[in-house]
């Protein structure tokens, strides 16, 4: 996660710093709001964007098409789905499932952009999101 992920506009180490920041903030925010903090919160937040490592090259190769969708007001994750057939959250969840990672972690990764559709209560924050954070959600 320390490498550059050019399709997402993330320089060397930015994905890792983002993952660690989201992990620490998720735990601290839950504690600060006096919410229960599941023990897997830190790990789920750490892994939430692992799909970007897999899709980064494809996003970079199809960036013009993705940016075309963004120009129409489509959210970044919907543009990923439109152009690539899946978004980084789904790609990450699929990878984690194949690695036999526990379902709670897989679910947190899968639904981090659509927590209202999650069977659980996954909370992620938009810190260090790179290119995808520049576009409002549709």
C-alpha atoms as a PDB file:
ATOM      1  CA  UNK A   1       0.000   0.000   0.000  1.00  0.00           C
ATOM      2  CA  UNK A   2       3.050   2.239  -0.002  1.00  0.00           C
ATOM      3  CA  UNK A   3       3.240   2.388  -3.793  1.00  0.00           C
ATOM      4  CA  UNK A   4       1.815   5.061  -6.069  1.00  0.00           C
ATOM      5  CA  UNK A   5      -1.748   4.472  -7.315  1.00  0.00           C
ATOM      6  CA  UNK A   6      -1.885   6.818 -10.320  1.00  0.00           C
ATOM      7  CA  UNK A   7      -5.426   6.003 -11.465  1.00  0.00           C
ATOM      8  CA  UNK A   8      -6.692   7.417  -8.199  1.00  0.00           C
ATOM      9  CA  UNK A   9      -4.321  10.379  -8.061  1.00  0.00           C
ATOM     10  CA  UNK A  10      -2.524   8.932  -5.039  1.00  0.00           C
ATOM     11  CA  UNK A  11       1.221   9.424  -4.758  1.00  0.00           C
ATOM     12  CA  UNK A  12       3.663   7.034  -3.151  1.00  0.00           C
ATOM     13  CA  UNK A  13       2.510   6.201   0.356  1.00  0.00           C
ATOM     14  CA  UNK A  14      -0.715   8.225   0.216  1.00  0.00           C
ATOM     15  CA  UNK A  15      -2.983   5.155   0.180  1.00  0.00           C
ATOM     16  CA  UNK A  16      -1.207   3.807   3.261  1.00  0.00           C
ATOM     17  CA  UNK A  17      -1.394   7.157   5.091  1.00  0.00           C
ATOM     18  CA  UNK A  18      -5.087   7.409   4.207  1.00  0.00           C
ATOM     19  CA  UNK A  19      -5.744   3.870   5.471  1.00  0.00           C
ATOM     20  CA  UNK A  20      -3.977   4.513   8.774  1.00  0.00           C
ATOM     21  CA  UNK A  21      -5.711   7.892   9.222  1.00  0.00           C
ATOM     22  CA  UNK A  22      -9.143   6.359   8.607  1.00  0.00           C
ATOM     23  CA  UNK A  23      -8.334   3.539  11.036  1.00  0.00           C
ATOM     24  CA  UNK A  24      -7.271   5.850  13.856  1.00  0.00           C
ATOM     25  CA  UNK A  25     -10.072   8.348  13.236  1.00  0.00           C
ATOM     26  CA  UNK A  26     -12.733   5.625  13.038  1.00  0.00           C
ATOM     27  CA  UNK A  27     -11.772   4.282  16.438  1.00  0.00           C
ATOM     28  CA  UNK A  28     -11.395   7.720  18.015  1.00  0.00           C
ATOM     29  CA  UNK A  29     -14.622   9.067  16.524  1.00  0.00           C
ATOM     30  CA  UNK A  30     -16.585   6.072  17.771  1.00  0.00           C
ATOM     31  CA  UNK A  31     -15.103   6.471  21.235  1.00  0.00           C
ATOM     32  CA  UNK A  32     -15.665  10.239  21.183  1.00  0.00           C
ATOM     33  CA  UNK A  33     -19.322   9.750  20.242  1.00  0.00           C
ATOM     34  CA  UNK A  34     -19.614   7.052  22.912  1.00  0.00           C
ATOM     35  CA  UNK A  35     -20.503   4.422  20.305  1.00  0.00           C
ATOM     36  CA  UNK A  36     -19.500   0.789  20.611  1.00  0.00           C
ATOM     37  CA  UNK A  37     -16.208   0.108  18.832  1.00  0.00           C
ATOM     38  CA  UNK A  38     -16.122  -3.387  17.322  1.00  0.00           C
ATOM     39  CA  UNK A  39     -12.675  -4.916  17.680  1.00  0.00           C
ATOM     40  CA  UNK A  40     -12.296  -5.138  13.896  1.00  0.00           C
ATOM     41  CA  UNK A  41     -12.871  -1.388  13.346  1.00  0.00           C
ATOM     42  CA  UNK A  42      -9.180  -0.540  12.942  1.00  0.00           C
ATOM     43  CA  UNK A  43      -8.536  -3.449  10.551  1.00  0.00           C
ATOM     44  CA  UNK A  44     -11.673  -2.800   8.483  1.00  0.00           C
ATOM     45  CA  UNK A  45     -10.706   0.835   8.048  1.00  0.00           C
ATOM     46  CA  UNK A  46      -7.140  -0.163   7.200  1.00  0.00           C
ATOM     47  CA  UNK A  47      -8.388  -2.469   4.418  1.00  0.00           C
ATOM     48  CA  UNK A  48     -11.308  -0.404   3.078  1.00  0.00           C
ATOM     49  CA  UNK A  49      -9.509   0.785  -0.092  1.00  0.00           C
ATOM     50  CA  UNK A  50      -7.493  -2.365  -0.878  1.00  0.00           C
ATOM     51  CA  UNK A  51      -9.447  -2.643  -4.149  1.00  0.00           C
ATOM     52  CA  UNK A  52      -7.687   0.489  -5.386  1.00  0.00           C
ATOM     53  CA  UNK A  53      -4.463  -1.493  -5.569  1.00  0.00           C
ATOM     54  CA  UNK A  54      -6.117  -3.931  -7.966  1.00  0.00           C
ATOM     55  CA  UNK A  55      -8.092  -1.432 -10.048  1.00  0.00           C
ATOM     56  CA  UNK A  56      -5.506   1.374 -10.066  1.00  0.00           C
ATOM     57  CA  UNK A  57      -3.977   0.351 -13.395  1.00  0.00           C
ATOM     58  CA  UNK A  58      -7.379  -0.109 -15.032  1.00  0.00           C
ATOM     59  CA  UNK A  59      -8.621   3.233 -13.712  1.00  0.00           C
ATOM     60  CA  UNK A  60      -5.473   4.873 -15.039  1.00  0.00           C
ATOM     61  CA  UNK A  61      -5.929   3.244 -18.466  1.00  0.00           C
ATOM     62  CA  UNK A  62      -9.600   4.288 -18.645  1.00  0.00           C
ATOM     63  CA  UNK A  63      -9.226   7.635 -16.902  1.00  0.00           C
ATOM     64  CA  UNK A  64     -10.586   9.632 -19.852  1.00  0.00           C
ATOM     65  CA  UNK A  65     -13.814   7.604 -19.825  1.00  0.00           C
ATOM     66  CA  UNK A  66     -14.088   7.851 -16.043  1.00  0.00           C
ATOM     67  CA  UNK A  67     -13.503  11.606 -16.161  1.00  0.00           C
ATOM     68  CA  UNK A  68     -16.203  11.819 -18.850  1.00  0.00           C
ATOM     69  CA  UNK A  69     -18.648  10.195 -16.431  1.00  0.00           C
ATOM     70  CA  UNK A  70     -17.496  12.539 -13.656  1.00  0.00           C
ATOM     71  CA  UNK A  71     -18.146  15.514 -15.946  1.00  0.00           C
ATOM     72  CA  UNK A  72     -21.758  14.311 -16.208  1.00  0.00           C
ATOM     73  CA  UNK A  73     -22.009  14.471 -12.403  1.00  0.00           C
ATOM     74  CA  UNK A  74     -21.611  10.740 -11.769  1.00  0.00           C
ATOM     75  CA  UNK A  75     -19.882   9.857  -8.487  1.00  0.00           C
ATOM     76  CA  UNK A  76     -16.419   8.335  -8.732  1.00  0.00           C
ATOM     77  CA  UNK A  77     -17.522   4.896  -7.572  1.00  0.00           C
ATOM     78  CA  UNK A  78     -20.452   4.923 -10.028  1.00  0.00           C
ATOM     79  CA  UNK A  79     -18.046   5.964 -12.788  1.00  0.00           C
ATOM     80  CA  UNK A  80     -15.816   3.017 -11.850  1.00  0.00           C
ATOM     81  CA  UNK A  81     -18.817   0.679 -12.153  1.00  0.00           C
ATOM     82  CA  UNK A  82     -19.929   2.250 -15.422  1.00  0.00           C
ATOM     83  CA  UNK A  83     -16.508   1.993 -17.061  1.00  0.00           C
ATOM     84  CA  UNK A  84     -14.925  -1.031 -15.358  1.00  0.00           C
ATOM     85  CA  UNK A  85     -17.960  -3.070 -14.362  1.00  0.00           C
ATOM     86  CA  UNK A  86     -17.241  -2.787 -10.621  1.00  0.00           C
ATOM     87  CA  UNK A  87     -15.921  -0.262  -8.142  1.00  0.00           C
ATOM     88  CA  UNK A  88     -12.900  -0.472  -5.856  1.00  0.00           C
ATOM     89  CA  UNK A  89     -15.070  -1.376  -2.860  1.00  0.00           C
ATOM     90  CA  UNK A  90     -16.478  -4.439  -4.607  1.00  0.00           C
ATOM     91  CA  UNK A  91     -13.056  -5.392  -5.977  1.00  0.00           C
ATOM     92  CA  UNK A  92     -11.566  -5.154  -2.490  1.00  0.00           C
ATOM     93  CA  UNK A  93     -14.382  -7.202  -0.960  1.00  0.00           C
ATOM     94  CA  UNK A  94     -13.973  -9.900  -3.621  1.00  0.00           C
ATOM     95  CA  UNK A  95     -10.245 -10.127  -2.903  1.00  0.00           C
ATOM     96  CA  UNK A  96     -10.809 -10.344   0.843  1.00  0.00           C
ATOM     97  CA  UNK A  97     -13.429 -13.071   0.386  1.00  0.00           C
ATOM     98  CA  UNK A  98     -10.969 -15.112  -1.678  1.00  0.00           C
ATOM     99  CA  UNK A  99      -8.415 -14.692   1.104  1.00  0.00           C
ATOM    100  CA  UNK A 100     -10.992 -16.040   3.616  1.00  0.00           C
ATOM    101  CA  UNK A 101     -11.047 -12.783   5.578  1.00  0.00           C
ATOM    102  CA  UNK A 102     -13.941 -12.707   8.110  1.00  0.00           C
ATOM    103  CA  UNK A 103     -17.284 -11.556   6.686  1.00  0.00           C
ATOM    104  CA  UNK A 104     -17.512  -8.495   8.953  1.00  0.00           C
ATOM    105  CA  UNK A 105     -14.333  -7.084   7.434  1.00  0.00           C
ATOM    106  CA  UNK A 106     -15.431  -7.995   3.911  1.00  0.00           C
ATOM    107  CA  UNK A 107     -18.764  -6.259   4.477  1.00  0.00           C
ATOM    108  CA  UNK A 108     -17.103  -3.097   5.808  1.00  0.00           C
ATOM    109  CA  UNK A 109     -14.925  -2.928   2.680  1.00  0.00           C
ATOM    110  CA  UNK A 110     -17.812  -3.721   0.317  1.00  0.00           C
ATOM    111  CA  UNK A 111     -20.168  -1.081   1.737  1.00  0.00           C
ATOM    112  CA  UNK A 112     -17.813   1.732   2.733  1.00  0.00           C
ATOM    113  CA  UNK A 113     -19.362   4.036   0.090  1.00  0.00           C
ATOM    114  CA  UNK A 114     -22.917   2.856   0.742  1.00  0.00           C
ATOM    115  CA  UNK A 115     -23.161   2.179   4.484  1.00  0.00           C
ATOM    116  CA  UNK A 116     -26.954   2.475   4.321  1.00  0.00           C
ATOM    117  CA  UNK A 117     -26.984  -0.668   2.123  1.00  0.00           C
ATOM    118  CA  UNK A 118     -24.740  -2.589   4.514  1.00  0.00           C
ATOM    119  CA  UNK A 119     -26.204  -5.305   6.694  1.00  0.00           C
ATOM    120  CA  UNK A 120     -23.943  -3.904   9.464  1.00  0.00           C
ATOM    121  CA  UNK A 121     -23.005  -0.442  10.694  1.00  0.00           C
ATOM    122  CA  UNK A 122     -19.904   0.521   8.725  1.00  0.00           C
ATOM    123  CA  UNK A 123     -18.610   4.084   9.027  1.00  0.00           C
ATOM    124  CA  UNK A 124     -15.843   5.516   6.833  1.00  0.00           C
ATOM    125  CA  UNK A 125     -14.639   9.094   6.494  1.00  0.00           C
ATOM    126  CA  UNK A 126     -13.460  11.020   3.417  1.00  0.00           C
ATOM    127  CA  UNK A 127      -9.874  11.822   4.395  1.00  0.00           C
ATOM    128  CA  UNK A 128      -7.113  11.557   1.807  1.00  0.00           C
ATOM    129  CA  UNK A 129      -9.427  10.298  -0.911  1.00  0.00           C
ATOM    130  CA  UNK A 130      -7.362  11.598  -3.829  1.00  0.00           C
ATOM    131  CA  UNK A 131      -9.106  12.070  -7.177  1.00  0.00           C
ATOM    132  CA  UNK A 132     -12.385  10.399  -6.108  1.00  0.00           C
ATOM    133  CA  UNK A 133     -12.899  12.895  -3.287  1.00  0.00           C
ATOM    134  CA  UNK A 134     -13.142  15.766  -5.768  1.00  0.00           C
ATOM    135  CA  UNK A 135     -16.573  14.796  -7.077  1.00  0.00           C
ATOM    136  CA  UNK A 136     -19.836  15.050  -5.157  1.00  0.00           C
ATOM    137  CA  UNK A 137     -21.834  11.853  -4.725  1.00  0.00           C
ATOM    138  CA  UNK A 138     -24.777  11.278  -7.049  1.00  0.00           C
END
